[in-house]
């Protein structure tokens, strides 16, 4: 399996994990988070933000660390309820996004994913007393080069 095939499978598996949690995805691009229809909330996006490549001298396999930003847009609610919803989603995502969850499908046999770490989490909300919650979750996925 090429590195491109591996990172493609990892990206698809991340989306699958989020869909399993009830987060919806769409092929349509939205200009603004306010344009996302209520029927699609919570709405998710998975962004690949790059990779770090490790060089080895042949004594062991090389590893790559891929960076992702997961964005989840939550329905409009008052600030206190929105904060609690965002906290809930952070811990749901963290609990579901693991090595076993990503080593499925095309990666089920090779088990190339060896580590998943959560980075910083950012939260933003719309203006006013209530607004859409926008959760930004950083994740790093370490995989063995094929």
Protein backbone atom coordinates (compact mmCIF):
# COMPACT_ATOMS: atom_id res chain seq x y z
CA UNK A 1 0.00 0.00 0.00
CA UNK A 2 1.47 3.37 -1.01
CA UNK A 3 1.68 6.25 1.45
CA UNK A 4 -0.99 8.07 -0.56
CA UNK A 5 -3.33 5.08 -0.26
CA UNK A 6 -2.61 4.90 3.47
CA UNK A 7 -3.32 8.57 4.16
CA UNK A 8 -6.45 8.41 2.00
CA UNK A 9 -7.70 5.41 4.01
CA UNK A 10 -6.87 7.15 7.31
CA UNK A 11 -8.81 10.26 6.23
CA UNK A 12 -11.82 8.15 5.21
CA UNK A 13 -11.67 6.22 8.48
CA UNK A 14 -11.57 9.44 10.53
CA UNK A 15 -14.72 10.59 8.74
CA UNK A 16 -16.28 7.17 9.39
CA UNK A 17 -15.53 7.46 13.12
CA UNK A 18 -17.18 10.88 13.23
CA UNK A 19 -20.19 9.63 11.27
CA UNK A 20 -20.51 6.80 13.78
CA UNK A 21 -20.83 9.45 16.50
CA UNK A 22 -23.70 11.09 14.60
CA UNK A 23 -21.79 13.87 12.85
CA UNK A 24 -23.06 14.53 9.33
CA UNK A 25 -21.03 15.33 6.22
CA UNK A 26 -21.93 16.79 2.83
CA UNK A 27 -20.28 17.03 -0.57
CA UNK A 28 -21.55 20.61 -0.80
CA UNK A 29 -19.23 23.41 0.25
CA UNK A 30 -20.64 26.11 2.52
CA UNK A 31 -19.26 29.65 2.44
CA UNK A 32 -20.09 30.31 6.09
CA UNK A 33 -21.01 28.13 9.05
CA UNK A 34 -24.35 29.99 9.18
CA UNK A 35 -25.17 28.54 5.74
CA UNK A 36 -25.14 24.93 6.98
CA UNK A 37 -28.77 23.71 7.07
CA UNK A 38 -30.10 22.72 10.50
CA UNK A 39 -30.80 19.22 9.13
CA UNK A 40 -27.03 18.71 8.71
CA UNK A 41 -26.11 19.65 12.29
CA UNK A 42 -23.90 18.52 13.86
CA UNK A 43 -21.90 19.02 10.68
CA UNK A 44 -18.32 17.83 10.27
CA UNK A 45 -15.31 18.49 8.09
CA UNK A 46 -11.97 16.68 8.08
CA UNK A 47 -8.95 18.69 6.96
CA UNK A 48 -5.58 17.12 6.21
CA UNK A 49 -3.01 19.72 7.26
CA UNK A 50 0.26 17.98 6.43
CA UNK A 51 2.74 15.27 7.37
CA UNK A 52 6.13 14.93 9.05
CA UNK A 53 8.40 12.29 7.56
CA UNK A 54 10.96 10.38 9.58
CA UNK A 55 14.26 9.30 8.09
CA UNK A 56 15.83 6.04 9.27
CA UNK A 57 18.94 4.17 8.29
CA UNK A 58 17.18 0.87 7.70
CA UNK A 59 17.26 -0.66 11.18
CA UNK A 60 13.51 -0.24 11.59
CA UNK A 61 10.53 0.85 9.53
CA UNK A 62 10.02 4.54 8.87
CA UNK A 63 7.04 6.32 10.37
CA UNK A 64 5.04 9.31 9.22
CA UNK A 65 2.98 11.60 11.42
CA UNK A 66 -0.07 13.11 9.70
CA UNK A 67 -1.84 16.17 11.04
CA UNK A 68 -5.59 16.68 10.82
CA UNK A 69 -8.03 19.35 11.91
CA UNK A 70 -11.53 18.08 12.62
CA UNK A 71 -14.22 20.76 12.57
CA UNK A 72 -17.65 20.15 14.05
CA UNK A 73 -20.41 22.75 13.77
CA UNK A 74 -23.06 22.41 16.46
CA UNK A 75 -26.59 23.76 16.44
CA UNK A 76 -27.40 27.16 17.83
CA UNK A 77 -28.01 27.36 21.57
CA UNK A 78 -27.40 29.63 24.53
CA UNK A 79 -23.79 30.03 25.64
CA UNK A 80 -23.90 27.80 28.73
CA UNK A 81 -25.59 24.95 26.86
CA UNK A 82 -23.24 25.39 23.93
CA UNK A 83 -20.15 25.09 26.14
CA UNK A 84 -21.47 21.87 27.64
CA UNK A 85 -22.28 20.47 24.20
CA UNK A 86 -18.79 21.32 22.95
CA UNK A 87 -17.19 19.69 25.99
CA UNK A 88 -19.30 16.59 25.40
CA UNK A 89 -18.26 16.40 21.74
CA UNK A 90 -14.56 16.85 22.56
CA UNK A 91 -14.61 13.84 24.86
CA UNK A 92 -16.78 11.75 22.53
CA UNK A 93 -14.35 12.35 19.67
CA UNK A 94 -11.32 11.68 21.87
CA UNK A 95 -12.84 8.43 23.11
CA UNK A 96 -13.72 7.20 19.62
CA UNK A 97 -10.64 8.27 17.68
CA UNK A 98 -8.11 5.57 18.44
CA UNK A 99 -5.71 3.18 16.73
CA UNK A 100 -8.25 0.35 16.50
CA UNK A 101 -10.89 2.68 15.05
CA UNK A 102 -8.55 3.77 12.24
CA UNK A 103 -7.09 0.34 11.41
CA UNK A 104 -10.26 -0.76 9.61
CA UNK A 105 -11.24 -1.17 5.97
CA UNK A 106 -8.14 -1.06 3.78
CA UNK A 107 -5.92 -0.84 6.87
CA UNK A 108 -7.48 -3.83 8.68
CA UNK A 109 -4.81 -6.33 7.61
CA UNK A 110 -1.71 -4.12 7.57
CA UNK A 111 -2.47 -2.25 10.84
CA UNK A 112 -0.29 0.64 9.66
CA UNK A 113 -1.69 3.16 12.18
CA UNK A 114 0.33 2.91 15.39
CA UNK A 115 -0.65 6.00 17.38
CA UNK A 116 -3.36 8.65 17.50
CA UNK A 117 -2.84 11.72 19.67
CA UNK A 118 -5.16 14.61 20.35
CA UNK A 119 -3.77 18.10 20.21
CA UNK A 120 -5.35 21.39 21.05
CA UNK A 121 -9.07 21.96 20.88
CA UNK A 122 -10.55 25.33 20.05
CA UNK A 123 -14.12 26.47 20.39
CA UNK A 124 -15.83 29.45 18.87
CA UNK A 125 -19.41 30.62 18.79
CA UNK A 126 -21.45 33.04 16.78
CA UNK A 127 -22.17 36.54 17.97
CA UNK A 128 -24.92 37.41 20.42
CA UNK A 129 -26.30 35.43 23.33
CA UNK A 130 -26.75 32.34 21.22
CA UNK A 131 -24.94 31.06 18.19
CA UNK A 132 -23.58 28.08 16.35
CA UNK A 133 -20.77 26.28 18.13
CA UNK A 134 -17.66 25.65 16.05
CA UNK A 135 -15.34 23.05 17.48
CA UNK A 136 -11.83 22.67 16.04
CA UNK A 137 -10.04 19.49 17.12
CA UNK A 138 -6.38 18.81 16.25
CA UNK A 139 -5.30 15.19 15.81
CA UNK A 140 -2.02 13.51 14.86
CA UNK A 141 -1.96 10.04 13.36
CA UNK A 142 1.30 8.09 13.24
CA UNK A 143 1.56 5.37 10.63
CA UNK A 144 4.24 3.02 9.37
CA UNK A 145 5.37 3.54 5.81
CA UNK A 146 4.22 0.75 3.54
